All heavy atoms as atom14 arrays in JSON, in Angstrom:
{
  "sequence": "FSDPLADGPTIQDSSTAALKNGMTTEVLFKQLEGIRETVSI",
  "atom14_mask": [
    [1, 1, 1, 1, 1, 1, 1, 1, 1, 1, 1, 0, 0, 0],
    [1, 1, 1, 1, 1, 1, 0, 0, 0, 0, 0, 0, 0, 0],
    [1, 1, 1, 1, 1, 1, 1, 1, 0, 0, 0, 0, 0, 0],
    [1, 1, 1, 1, 1, 1, 1, 0, 0, 0, 0, 0, 0, 0],
    [1, 1, 1, 1, 1, 1, 1, 1, 0, 0, 0, 0, 0, 0],
    [1, 1, 1, 1, 1, 0, 0, 0, 0, 0, 0, 0, 0, 0],
    [1, 1, 1, 1, 1, 1, 1, 1, 0, 0, 0, 0, 0, 0],
    [1, 1, 1, 1, 0, 0, 0, 0, 0, 0, 0, 0, 0, 0],
    [1, 1, 1, 1, 1, 1, 1, 0, 0, 0, 0, 0, 0, 0],
    [1, 1, 1, 1, 1, 1, 1, 0, 0, 0, 0, 0, 0, 0],
    [1, 1, 1, 1, 1, 1, 1, 1, 0, 0, 0, 0, 0, 0],
    [1, 1, 1, 1, 1, 1, 1, 1, 1, 0, 0, 0, 0, 0],
    [1, 1, 1, 1, 1, 1, 1, 1, 0, 0, 0, 0, 0, 0],
    [1, 1, 1, 1, 1, 1, 0, 0, 0, 0, 0, 0, 0, 0],
    [1, 1, 1, 1, 1, 1, 0, 0, 0, 0, 0, 0, 0, 0],
    [1, 1, 1, 1, 1, 1, 1, 0, 0, 0, 0, 0, 0, 0],
    [1, 1, 1, 1, 1, 0, 0, 0, 0, 0, 0, 0, 0, 0],
    [1, 1, 1, 1, 1, 0, 0, 0, 0, 0, 0, 0, 0, 0],
    [1, 1, 1, 1, 1, 1, 1, 1, 0, 0, 0, 0, 0, 0],
    [1, 1, 1, 1, 1, 1, 1, 1, 1, 0, 0, 0, 0, 0],
    [1, 1, 1, 1, 1, 1, 1, 1, 0, 0, 0, 0, 0, 0],
    [1, 1, 1, 1, 0, 0, 0, 0, 0, 0, 0, 0, 0, 0],
    [1, 1, 1, 1, 1, 1, 1, 1, 0, 0, 0, 0, 0, 0],
    [1, 1, 1, 1, 1, 1, 1, 0, 0, 0, 0, 0, 0, 0],
    [1, 1, 1, 1, 1, 1, 1, 0, 0, 0, 0, 0, 0, 0],
    [1, 1, 1, 1, 1, 1, 1, 1, 1, 0, 0, 0, 0, 0],
    [1, 1, 1, 1, 1, 1, 1, 0, 0, 0, 0, 0, 0, 0],
    [1, 1, 1, 1, 1, 1, 1, 1, 0, 0, 0, 0, 0, 0],
    [1, 1, 1, 1, 1, 1, 1, 1, 1, 1, 1, 0, 0, 0],
    [1, 1, 1, 1, 1, 1, 1, 1, 1, 0, 0, 0, 0, 0],
    [1, 1, 1, 1, 1, 1, 1, 1, 1, 0, 0, 0, 0, 0],
    [1, 1, 1, 1, 1, 1, 1, 1, 0, 0, 0, 0, 0, 0],
    [1, 1, 1, 1, 1, 1, 1, 1, 1, 0, 0, 0, 0, 0],
    [1, 1, 1, 1, 0, 0, 0, 0, 0, 0, 0, 0, 0, 0],
    [1, 1, 1, 1, 1, 1, 1, 1, 0, 0, 0, 0, 0, 0],
    [1, 1, 1, 1, 1, 1, 1, 1, 1, 1, 1, 0, 0, 0],
    [1, 1, 1, 1, 1, 1, 1, 1, 1, 0, 0, 0, 0, 0],
    [1, 1, 1, 1, 1, 1, 1, 0, 0, 0, 0, 0, 0, 0],
    [1, 1, 1, 1, 1, 1, 1, 0, 0, 0, 0, 0, 0, 0],
    [1, 1, 1, 1, 1, 1, 0, 0, 0, 0, 0, 0, 0, 0],
    [1, 1, 1, 1, 1, 1, 1, 1, 0, 0, 0, 0, 0, 0]
  ],
  "atom14_positions": [
    [[-12.81, -170.96, -0.2], [-13.97, -171.77, 0.18], [-14.27, -172.72, -0.98], [-14.02, -172.4, -2.14], [-15.17, -170.84, 0.46], [-16.43, -171.56, 0.87], [-16.42, -172.46, 1.92], [-17.63, -171.31, 0.21], [-17.59, -173.12, 2.31], [-18.8, -171.97, 0.59], [-18.78, -172.87, 1.64], [0.0, 0.0, 0.0], [0.0, 0.0, 0.0], [0.0, 0.0, 0.0]],
    [[-14.81, -173.88, -0.65], [-15.01, -174.93, -1.66], [-16.12, -174.63, -2.67], [-16.18, -175.24, -3.72], [-15.31, -176.26, -0.96], [-16.41, -176.08, -0.08], [0.0, 0.0, 0.0], [0.0, 0.0, 0.0], [0.0, 0.0, 0.0], [0.0, 0.0, 0.0], [0.0, 0.0, 0.0], [0.0, 0.0, 0.0], [0.0, 0.0, 0.0], [0.0, 0.0, 0.0]],
    [[-17.0, -173.67, -2.36], [-18.13, -173.39, -3.25], [-18.3, -171.88, -3.43], [-19.28, -171.29, -2.98], [-19.41, -174.01, -2.66], [-20.58, -173.96, -3.65], [-20.32, -173.82, -4.86], [-21.72, -174.04, -3.19], [0.0, 0.0, 0.0], [0.0, 0.0, 0.0], [0.0, 0.0, 0.0], [0.0, 0.0, 0.0], [0.0, 0.0, 0.0], [0.0, 0.0, 0.0]],
    [[-17.33, -171.24, -4.11], [-17.31, -169.77, -4.19], [-18.24, -169.22, -5.26], [-17.87, -169.05, -6.42], [-15.84, -169.47, -4.51], [-15.37, -170.68, -5.26], [-16.2, -171.85, -4.81], [0.0, 0.0, 0.0], [0.0, 0.0, 0.0], [0.0, 0.0, 0.0], [0.0, 0.0, 0.0], [0.0, 0.0, 0.0], [0.0, 0.0, 0.0], [0.0, 0.0, 0.0]],
    [[-19.48, -168.89, -4.88], [-20.53, -168.55, -5.84], [-20.23, -167.34, -6.72], [-20.62, -167.3, -7.87], [-21.84, -168.28, -5.07], [-22.35, -169.4, -4.18], [-23.54, -168.93, -3.37], [-22.72, -170.61, -5.03], [0.0, 0.0, 0.0], [0.0, 0.0, 0.0], [0.0, 0.0, 0.0], [0.0, 0.0, 0.0], [0.0, 0.0, 0.0], [0.0, 0.0, 0.0]],
    [[-19.57, -166.32, -6.17], [-19.39, -165.08, -6.93], [-18.11, -165.04, -7.74], [-17.85, -164.08, -8.43], [-19.41, -163.89, -5.96], [0.0, 0.0, 0.0], [0.0, 0.0, 0.0], [0.0, 0.0, 0.0], [0.0, 0.0, 0.0], [0.0, 0.0, 0.0], [0.0, 0.0, 0.0], [0.0, 0.0, 0.0], [0.0, 0.0, 0.0], [0.0, 0.0, 0.0]],
    [[-17.31, -166.11, -7.64], [-15.98, -166.06, -8.25], [-15.96, -166.72, -9.61], [-16.57, -167.77, -9.83], [-14.96, -166.72, -7.33], [-14.81, -165.98, -6.01], [-14.8, -164.74, -6.06], [-14.73, -166.62, -4.96], [0.0, 0.0, 0.0], [0.0, 0.0, 0.0], [0.0, 0.0, 0.0], [0.0, 0.0, 0.0], [0.0, 0.0, 0.0], [0.0, 0.0, 0.0]],
    [[-15.21, -166.11, -10.52], [-14.98, -166.69, -11.83], [-13.92, -167.77, -11.75], [-13.37, -168.06, -10.7], [0.0, 0.0, 0.0], [0.0, 0.0, 0.0], [0.0, 0.0, 0.0], [0.0, 0.0, 0.0], [0.0, 0.0, 0.0], [0.0, 0.0, 0.0], [0.0, 0.0, 0.0], [0.0, 0.0, 0.0], [0.0, 0.0, 0.0], [0.0, 0.0, 0.0]],
    [[-13.58, -168.39, -12.91], [-12.69, -169.55, -12.92], [-11.3, -169.27, -12.34], [-10.73, -170.13, -11.68], [-12.61, -169.95, -14.4], [-13.27, -168.85, -15.17], [-14.17, -168.12, -14.23], [0.0, 0.0, 0.0], [0.0, 0.0, 0.0], [0.0, 0.0, 0.0], [0.0, 0.0, 0.0], [0.0, 0.0, 0.0], [0.0, 0.0, 0.0], [0.0, 0.0, 0.0]],
    [[-10.76, -168.08, -12.57], [-9.39, -167.79, -12.08], [-9.34, -167.87, -10.57], [-8.46, -168.53, -9.99], [-8.94, -166.39, -12.55], [-8.95, -166.37, -13.99], [-7.56, -166.06, -12.05], [0.0, 0.0, 0.0], [0.0, 0.0, 0.0], [0.0, 0.0, 0.0], [0.0, 0.0, 0.0], [0.0, 0.0, 0.0], [0.0, 0.0, 0.0], [0.0, 0.0, 0.0]],
    [[-10.27, -167.19, -9.91], [-10.24, -167.17, -8.44], [-10.72, -168.52, -7.89], [-10.2, -169.0, -6.88], [-11.05, -165.98, -7.9], [-10.3, -164.68, -8.25], [-11.27, -166.08, -6.39], [-11.01, -163.39, -7.88], [0.0, 0.0, 0.0], [0.0, 0.0, 0.0], [0.0, 0.0, 0.0], [0.0, 0.0, 0.0], [0.0, 0.0, 0.0], [0.0, 0.0, 0.0]],
    [[-11.66, -169.17, -8.57], [-12.06, -170.52, -8.14], [-10.87, -171.46, -8.14], [-10.65, -172.22, -7.18], [-13.15, -171.08, -9.08], [-14.53, -170.56, -8.78], [-15.61, -171.33, -9.54], [-15.39, -172.43, -10.02], [-16.78, -170.73, -9.66], [0.0, 0.0, 0.0], [0.0, 0.0, 0.0], [0.0, 0.0, 0.0], [0.0, 0.0, 0.0], [0.0, 0.0, 0.0]],
    [[-10.09, -171.42, -9.22], [-8.93, -172.31, -9.32], [-7.91, -172.0, -8.23], [-7.31, -172.91, -7.65], [-8.27, -172.18, -10.7], [-9.12, -172.76, -11.82], [-10.11, -173.46, -11.51], [-8.82, -172.51, -13.0], [0.0, 0.0, 0.0], [0.0, 0.0, 0.0], [0.0, 0.0, 0.0], [0.0, 0.0, 0.0], [0.0, 0.0, 0.0], [0.0, 0.0, 0.0]],
    [[-7.71, -170.71, -7.94], [-6.75, -170.36, -6.9], [-7.25, -170.81, -5.52], [-6.46, -171.24, -4.67], [-6.46, -168.84, -6.9], [-7.58, -168.09, -6.45], [0.0, 0.0, 0.0], [0.0, 0.0, 0.0], [0.0, 0.0, 0.0], [0.0, 0.0, 0.0], [0.0, 0.0, 0.0], [0.0, 0.0, 0.0], [0.0, 0.0, 0.0], [0.0, 0.0, 0.0]],
    [[-8.57, -170.74, -5.3], [-9.15, -171.21, -4.04], [-8.96, -172.71, -3.88], [-8.6, -173.19, -2.8], [-10.64, -170.87, -3.97], [-10.83, -169.49, -3.82], [0.0, 0.0, 0.0], [0.0, 0.0, 0.0], [0.0, 0.0, 0.0], [0.0, 0.0, 0.0], [0.0, 0.0, 0.0], [0.0, 0.0, 0.0], [0.0, 0.0, 0.0], [0.0, 0.0, 0.0]],
    [[-9.22, -173.45, -4.96], [-9.04, -174.91, -4.92], [-7.6, -175.25, -4.59], [-7.32, -176.12, -3.75], [-9.45, -175.53, -6.28], [-10.81, -175.19, -6.54], [-9.3, -177.03, -6.27], [0.0, 0.0, 0.0], [0.0, 0.0, 0.0], [0.0, 0.0, 0.0], [0.0, 0.0, 0.0], [0.0, 0.0, 0.0], [0.0, 0.0, 0.0], [0.0, 0.0, 0.0]],
    [[-6.66, -174.55, -5.25], [-5.23, -174.81, -5.0], [-4.85, -174.45, -3.57], [-4.12, -175.19, -2.9], [-4.38, -174.01, -5.99], [0.0, 0.0, 0.0], [0.0, 0.0, 0.0], [0.0, 0.0, 0.0], [0.0, 0.0, 0.0], [0.0, 0.0, 0.0], [0.0, 0.0, 0.0], [0.0, 0.0, 0.0], [0.0, 0.0, 0.0], [0.0, 0.0, 0.0]],
    [[-5.37, -173.32, -3.06], [-5.05, -172.9, -1.69], [-5.57, -173.9, -0.67], [-4.89, -174.22, 0.32], [-5.63, -171.51, -1.42], [0.0, 0.0, 0.0], [0.0, 0.0, 0.0], [0.0, 0.0, 0.0], [0.0, 0.0, 0.0], [0.0, 0.0, 0.0], [0.0, 0.0, 0.0], [0.0, 0.0, 0.0], [0.0, 0.0, 0.0], [0.0, 0.0, 0.0]],
    [[-6.78, -174.42, -0.9], [-7.33, -175.44, 0.0], [-6.46, -176.7, -0.03], [-6.17, -177.28, 1.02], [-8.78, -175.77, -0.37], [-9.81, -174.65, -0.12], [-11.14, -174.99, -0.79], [-10.01, -174.39, 1.36], [0.0, 0.0, 0.0], [0.0, 0.0, 0.0], [0.0, 0.0, 0.0], [0.0, 0.0, 0.0], [0.0, 0.0, 0.0], [0.0, 0.0, 0.0]],
    [[-6.02, -177.07, -1.22], [-5.12, -178.24, -1.34], [-3.79, -177.97, -0.64], [-3.17, -178.88, -0.09], [-4.88, -178.58, -2.82], [-6.03, -179.32, -3.47], [-5.73, -179.68, -4.91], [-6.92, -180.33, -5.56], [-6.79, -180.38, -7.03], [0.0, 0.0, 0.0], [0.0, 0.0, 0.0], [0.0, 0.0, 0.0], [0.0, 0.0, 0.0], [0.0, 0.0, 0.0]],
    [[-3.35, -176.72, -0.67], [-2.1, -176.34, 0.01], [-2.23, -176.44, 1.53], [-1.23, -176.43, 2.24], [-1.7, -174.9, -0.35], [-1.21, -174.76, -1.78], [-0.87, -175.74, -2.42], [-1.17, -173.53, -2.28], [0.0, 0.0, 0.0], [0.0, 0.0, 0.0], [0.0, 0.0, 0.0], [0.0, 0.0, 0.0], [0.0, 0.0, 0.0], [0.0, 0.0, 0.0]],
    [[-3.49, -176.47, 2.01], [-3.7, -176.58, 3.45], [-4.25, -175.33, 4.1], [-4.26, -175.22, 5.34], [0.0, 0.0, 0.0], [0.0, 0.0, 0.0], [0.0, 0.0, 0.0], [0.0, 0.0, 0.0], [0.0, 0.0, 0.0], [0.0, 0.0, 0.0], [0.0, 0.0, 0.0], [0.0, 0.0, 0.0], [0.0, 0.0, 0.0], [0.0, 0.0, 0.0]],
    [[-4.72, -174.37, 3.3], [-5.25, -173.13, 3.88], [-6.59, -173.38, 4.56], [-7.47, -174.03, 4.0], [-5.41, -172.05, 2.78], [-5.96, -170.73, 3.28], [-5.13, -170.04, 4.73], [-3.53, -169.59, 4.07], [0.0, 0.0, 0.0], [0.0, 0.0, 0.0], [0.0, 0.0, 0.0], [0.0, 0.0, 0.0], [0.0, 0.0, 0.0], [0.0, 0.0, 0.0]],
    [[-6.71, -172.87, 5.78], [-7.96, -172.92, 6.54], [-8.09, -171.59, 7.27], [-7.15, -170.78, 7.28], [-7.93, -174.04, 7.61], [-6.9, -173.72, 8.57], [-7.66, -175.41, 7.01], [0.0, 0.0, 0.0], [0.0, 0.0, 0.0], [0.0, 0.0, 0.0], [0.0, 0.0, 0.0], [0.0, 0.0, 0.0], [0.0, 0.0, 0.0], [0.0, 0.0, 0.0]],
    [[-9.23, -171.38, 7.91], [-9.42, -170.16, 8.71], [-8.35, -170.07, 9.79], [-7.72, -169.02, 9.97], [-10.83, -170.18, 9.35], [-11.81, -170.32, 8.32], [-11.08, -168.89, 10.12], [0.0, 0.0, 0.0], [0.0, 0.0, 0.0], [0.0, 0.0, 0.0], [0.0, 0.0, 0.0], [0.0, 0.0, 0.0], [0.0, 0.0, 0.0], [0.0, 0.0, 0.0]],
    [[-8.11, -171.18, 10.48], [-7.11, -171.2, 11.56], [-5.71, -170.88, 11.03], [-4.95, -170.14, 11.66], [-7.09, -172.57, 12.26], [-8.32, -172.87, 13.09], [-8.32, -172.16, 14.44], [-7.45, -171.3, 14.68], [-9.21, -172.48, 15.25], [0.0, 0.0, 0.0], [0.0, 0.0, 0.0], [0.0, 0.0, 0.0], [0.0, 0.0, 0.0], [0.0, 0.0, 0.0]],
    [[-5.37, -171.46, 9.89], [-4.04, -171.22, 9.3], [-3.89, -169.75, 8.93], [-2.87, -169.12, 9.2], [-3.8, -172.14, 8.09], [-2.54, -171.72, 7.32], [-3.67, -173.6, 8.54], [0.0, 0.0, 0.0], [0.0, 0.0, 0.0], [0.0, 0.0, 0.0], [0.0, 0.0, 0.0], [0.0, 0.0, 0.0], [0.0, 0.0, 0.0], [0.0, 0.0, 0.0]],
    [[-4.93, -169.18, 8.32], [-4.87, -167.77, 7.94], [-4.67, -166.9, 9.18], [-3.82, -166.0, 9.19], [-6.13, -167.35, 7.18], [-6.18, -165.86, 6.81], [-5.0, -165.45, 5.92], [-7.5, -165.51, 6.13], [0.0, 0.0, 0.0], [0.0, 0.0, 0.0], [0.0, 0.0, 0.0], [0.0, 0.0, 0.0], [0.0, 0.0, 0.0], [0.0, 0.0, 0.0]],
    [[-5.45, -167.13, 10.22], [-5.32, -166.33, 11.43], [-3.91, -166.46, 12.01], [-3.32, -165.49, 12.47], [-6.37, -166.74, 12.46], [-7.76, -166.23, 12.15], [-8.88, -166.84, 12.73], [-7.97, -165.14, 11.32], [-10.16, -166.36, 12.47], [-9.24, -164.66, 11.05], [-10.34, -165.27, 11.63], [0.0, 0.0, 0.0], [0.0, 0.0, 0.0], [0.0, 0.0, 0.0]],
    [[-3.34, -167.66, 11.96], [-1.97, -167.88, 12.46], [-0.98, -167.06, 11.62], [-0.08, -166.4, 12.15], [-1.64, -169.36, 12.39], [-0.43, -169.79, 13.16], [-0.79, -170.0, 14.63], [0.47, -170.32, 15.44], [0.37, -169.85, 16.82], [0.0, 0.0, 0.0], [0.0, 0.0, 0.0], [0.0, 0.0, 0.0], [0.0, 0.0, 0.0], [0.0, 0.0, 0.0]],
    [[-1.17, -167.08, 10.3], [-0.26, -166.34, 9.4], [-0.32, -164.83, 9.66], [0.68, -164.13, 9.52], [-0.61, -166.62, 7.94], [-0.26, -168.02, 7.48], [-0.64, -168.28, 6.03], [-1.37, -167.51, 5.41], [-0.16, -169.38, 5.48], [0.0, 0.0, 0.0], [0.0, 0.0, 0.0], [0.0, 0.0, 0.0], [0.0, 0.0, 0.0], [0.0, 0.0, 0.0]],
    [[-1.51, -164.34, 10.02], [-1.7, -162.9, 10.16], [-1.29, -162.36, 11.53], [-1.34, -161.15, 11.75], [-3.16, -162.53, 9.87], [-3.64, -162.75, 8.43], [-5.12, -162.44, 8.3], [-2.83, -161.91, 7.44], [0.0, 0.0, 0.0], [0.0, 0.0, 0.0], [0.0, 0.0, 0.0], [0.0, 0.0, 0.0], [0.0, 0.0, 0.0], [0.0, 0.0, 0.0]],
    [[-0.89, -163.23, 12.43], [-0.43, -162.77, 13.74], [0.78, -161.85, 13.56], [1.73, -162.2, 12.86], [-0.07, -163.96, 14.65], [-1.3, -164.61, 15.25], [-0.96, -165.85, 16.07], [0.23, -166.09, 16.35], [-1.91, -166.59, 16.41], [0.0, 0.0, 0.0], [0.0, 0.0, 0.0], [0.0, 0.0, 0.0], [0.0, 0.0, 0.0], [0.0, 0.0, 0.0]],
    [[0.7, -160.66, 14.13], [1.82, -159.72, 14.02], [1.86, -158.93, 12.72], [2.8, -158.16, 12.49], [0.0, 0.0, 0.0], [0.0, 0.0, 0.0], [0.0, 0.0, 0.0], [0.0, 0.0, 0.0], [0.0, 0.0, 0.0], [0.0, 0.0, 0.0], [0.0, 0.0, 0.0], [0.0, 0.0, 0.0], [0.0, 0.0, 0.0], [0.0, 0.0, 0.0]],
    [[0.84, -159.08, 11.86], [0.86, -158.39, 10.56], [0.92, -156.87, 10.74], [1.51, -156.15, 9.94], [-0.36, -158.81, 9.69], [-0.2, -158.33, 8.23], [-1.68, -158.29, 10.26], [0.83, -159.06, 7.44], [0.0, 0.0, 0.0], [0.0, 0.0, 0.0], [0.0, 0.0, 0.0], [0.0, 0.0, 0.0], [0.0, 0.0, 0.0], [0.0, 0.0, 0.0]],
    [[0.35, -156.36, 11.83], [0.32, -154.91, 12.04], [1.67, -154.35, 12.48], [1.83, -153.14, 12.57], [-0.78, -154.54, 13.03], [-2.18, -154.62, 12.4], [-2.3, -153.71, 11.22], [-3.57, -153.82, 10.48], [-3.74, -153.34, 9.27], [-2.74, -152.74, 8.65], [-4.9, -153.45, 8.66], [0.0, 0.0, 0.0], [0.0, 0.0, 0.0], [0.0, 0.0, 0.0]],
    [[2.64, -155.22, 12.71], [4.0, -154.73, 12.99], [4.67, -154.23, 11.71], [5.6, -153.43, 11.76], [4.84, -155.84, 13.62], [4.4, -156.2, 15.04], [4.94, -157.55, 15.5], [5.98, -158.0, 14.95], [4.32, -158.14, 16.42], [0.0, 0.0, 0.0], [0.0, 0.0, 0.0], [0.0, 0.0, 0.0], [0.0, 0.0, 0.0], [0.0, 0.0, 0.0]],
    [[4.21, -154.71, 10.55], [4.86, -154.34, 9.29], [3.93, -153.7, 8.26], [4.4, -153.16, 7.27], [5.49, -155.6, 8.63], [4.47, -156.59, 8.45], [6.61, -156.17, 9.5], [0.0, 0.0, 0.0], [0.0, 0.0, 0.0], [0.0, 0.0, 0.0], [0.0, 0.0, 0.0], [0.0, 0.0, 0.0], [0.0, 0.0, 0.0], [0.0, 0.0, 0.0]],
    [[2.63, -153.77, 8.47], [1.67, -153.3, 7.45], [0.69, -152.32, 8.09], [0.13, -152.59, 9.15], [0.89, -154.51, 6.85], [-0.23, -154.03, 5.94], [1.84, -155.44, 6.11], [0.0, 0.0, 0.0], [0.0, 0.0, 0.0], [0.0, 0.0, 0.0], [0.0, 0.0, 0.0], [0.0, 0.0, 0.0], [0.0, 0.0, 0.0], [0.0, 0.0, 0.0]],
    [[0.49, -151.17, 7.42], [-0.39, -150.15, 8.01], [-1.66, -149.88, 7.2], [-2.58, -149.23, 7.69], [0.38, -148.83, 8.19], [0.81, -148.36, 6.94], [0.0, 0.0, 0.0], [0.0, 0.0, 0.0], [0.0, 0.0, 0.0], [0.0, 0.0, 0.0], [0.0, 0.0, 0.0], [0.0, 0.0, 0.0], [0.0, 0.0, 0.0], [0.0, 0.0, 0.0]],
    [[-1.73, -150.35, 5.95], [-2.91, -150.07, 5.12], [-4.09, -150.95, 5.54], [-3.91, -151.97, 6.21], [-2.62, -150.22, 3.61], [-2.19, -151.66, 3.28], [-1.61, -149.2, 3.14], [-2.04, -151.92, 1.77], [0.0, 0.0, 0.0], [0.0, 0.0, 0.0], [0.0, 0.0, 0.0], [0.0, 0.0, 0.0], [0.0, 0.0, 0.0], [0.0, 0.0, 0.0]]
  ]
}
């Protein structure tokens, strides 16, 4: 998220980079489709 109040600089920087990479809610949901076929935790 563009304004991460609880995050320190490391996670803020990673969030900024991820947003620049094109990460959105829709993209994340698309990536997670089928995740339960391989991950159980």
